[in-house]
C-alpha atoms as a PDB file:
ATOM      1  CA  VAL A   1      97.732 101.550  54.812  1.00  0.00           C
ATOM      2  CA  LEU A   2      97.910  99.819  51.407  1.00  0.00           C
ATOM      3  CA  LYS A   3      96.025 102.083  49.012  1.00  0.00           C
ATOM      4  CA  ARG A   4      96.839 100.487  45.662  1.00  0.00           C
ATOM      5  CA  TYR A   5      98.456  97.187  44.685  1.00  0.00           C
ATOM      6  CA  GLU A   6      98.887  95.271  41.453  1.00  0.00           C
ATOM      7  CA  TYR A   7     101.242  92.599  40.197  1.00  0.00           C
ATOM      8  CA  GLU A   8     102.114  90.575  37.129  1.00  0.00           C
ATOM      9  CA  THR A   9     104.136  87.392  36.697  1.00  0.00           C
ATOM     10  CA  GLN A  10     106.006  86.024  33.690  1.00  0.00           C
ATOM     11  CA  SER A  11     108.651  83.544  32.550  1.00  0.00           C
ATOM     12  CA  TRP A  12     107.312  80.597  34.562  1.00  0.00           C
ATOM     13  CA  LYS A  13     109.484  77.455  34.600  1.00  0.00           C
ATOM     14  CA  MET A  14     108.547  74.244  36.409  1.00  0.00           C
ATOM     15  CA  GLU A  15     110.645  71.132  36.870  1.00  0.00           C
ATOM     16  CA  ILE A  16     109.166  68.075  38.589  1.00  0.00           C
ATOM     17  CA  PHE A  17     111.355  65.403  40.183  1.00  0.00           C
ATOM     18  CA  GLY A  18     108.957  62.746  41.462  1.00  0.00           C
ATOM     19  CA  ASP A  19     107.294  64.225  44.555  1.00  0.00           C
ATOM     20  CA  CYS A  20     109.459  67.385  44.497  1.00  0.00           C
ATOM     21  CA  ALA A  21     109.281  70.408  42.209  1.00  0.00           C
ATOM     22  CA  LEU A  22     111.285  73.544  41.536  1.00  0.00           C
ATOM     23  CA  VAL A  23     109.399  76.587  40.209  1.00  0.00           C
ATOM     24  CA  THR A  24     110.883  79.897  39.066  1.00  0.00           C
ATOM     25  CA  PHE A  25     109.239  83.042  37.741  1.00  0.00           C
ATOM     26  CA  MET A  26     109.616  86.803  37.513  1.00  0.00           C
ATOM     27  CA  ILE A  27     107.236  89.129  39.349  1.00  0.00           C
ATOM     28  CA  ARG A  28     106.673  92.863  39.150  1.00  0.00           C
ATOM     29  CA  TYR A  29     104.593  94.412  41.900  1.00  0.00           C
ATOM     30  CA  ARG A  30     103.674  98.043  42.343  1.00  0.00           C
ATOM     31  CA  GLY A  31     101.359 100.195  44.350  1.00  0.00           C
ATOM     32  CA  THR A  32     101.085 102.803  47.074  1.00  0.00           C
ATOM     33  CA  ILE A  33     101.563 102.314  50.801  1.00  0.00           C
ATOM     34  CA  ARG A  34     101.291 105.223  53.251  1.00  0.00           C
ATOM     35  CA  ASP A  35     101.431 107.684  50.310  1.00  0.00           C
ATOM     36  CA  LEU A  36     104.710 106.144  49.064  1.00  0.00           C
ATOM     37  CA  ASP A  37     104.758 104.598  45.593  1.00  0.00           C
ATOM     38  CA  PHE A  38     106.726 101.416  44.956  1.00  0.00           C
ATOM     39  CA  ASP A  39     107.578  99.463  41.790  1.00  0.00           C
ATOM     40  CA  VAL A  40     109.667  96.322  42.347  1.00  0.00           C
ATOM     41  CA  ARG A  41     110.871  93.490  40.090  1.00  0.00           C
ATOM     42  CA  SER A  42     112.030  90.191  41.595  1.00  0.00           C
ATOM     43  CA  ARG A  43     112.988  86.682  40.577  1.00  0.00           C
ATOM     44  CA  VAL A  44     111.211  84.035  42.683  1.00  0.00           C
ATOM     45  CA  THR A  45     112.301  80.444  43.251  1.00  0.00           C
ATOM     46  CA  ALA A  46     110.057  78.019  45.139  1.00  0.00           C
ATOM     47  CA  PHE A  47     110.645  74.402  46.219  1.00  0.00           C
ATOM     48  CA  LEU A  48     107.530  72.256  46.582  1.00  0.00           C
ATOM     49  CA  VAL A  49     106.846  68.762  47.916  1.00  0.00           C
ATOM     50  CA  LYS A  50     103.827  66.612  47.114  1.00  0.00           C
ATOM     51  CA  HIS A  51     102.178  65.489  50.374  1.00  0.00           C
ATOM     52  CA  GLU A  52      98.998  63.409  50.444  1.00  0.00           C
ATOM     53  CA  GLY A  53      98.253  64.329  46.836  1.00  0.00           C
ATOM     54  CA  GLU A  54      98.701  68.107  47.249  1.00  0.00           C
ATOM     55  CA  TRP A  55     101.657  70.318  46.398  1.00  0.00           C
ATOM     56  CA  LYS A  56     102.992  72.302  49.383  1.00  0.00           C
ATOM     57  CA  ILE A  57     105.565  75.110  49.284  1.00  0.00           C
ATOM     58  CA  VAL A  58     108.485  74.138  51.512  1.00  0.00           C
ATOM     59  CA  HIS A  59     110.774  77.075  50.738  1.00  0.00           C
ATOM     60  CA  GLU A  60     110.741  80.205  48.599  1.00  0.00           C
ATOM     61  CA  HIS A  61     113.408  82.773  47.829  1.00  0.00           C
ATOM     62  CA  TRP A  62     112.904  86.255  46.350  1.00  0.00           C
ATOM     63  CA  SER A  63     115.808  88.089  44.676  1.00  0.00           C
ATOM     64  CA  ARG A  64     115.072  91.749  44.037  1.00  0.00           C
ATOM     65  CA  LEU A  65     116.359  92.903  40.645  1.00  0.00           C
ATOM     66  CA  PRO A  66     118.081  96.255  40.172  1.00  0.00           C
ATOM     67  CA  LYS A  67     116.117  99.022  38.515  1.00  0.00           C
ATOM     68  CA  PRO A  68     116.990  99.496  34.833  1.00  0.00           C
ATOM     69  CA  MET A  69     118.973 102.580  33.913  1.00  0.00           C
ATOM     70  CA  PRO A  70     116.783 105.489  32.679  1.00  0.00           C
END
């Protein structure tokens, strides 16, 4: 079903508060699924917790950004 897919990320920000962290970044993903092209930009925020020496994602939120005016 997914014929083509690519993505790029930018504007990474990380803040660490002891064993917790907040990460934000922008992502643009595009491709073709069932002969339909898509091109989406989103802002992503993730909350992580350090557990037994490894960072684990506890929650993430994606906010789709509006398409720029032509």
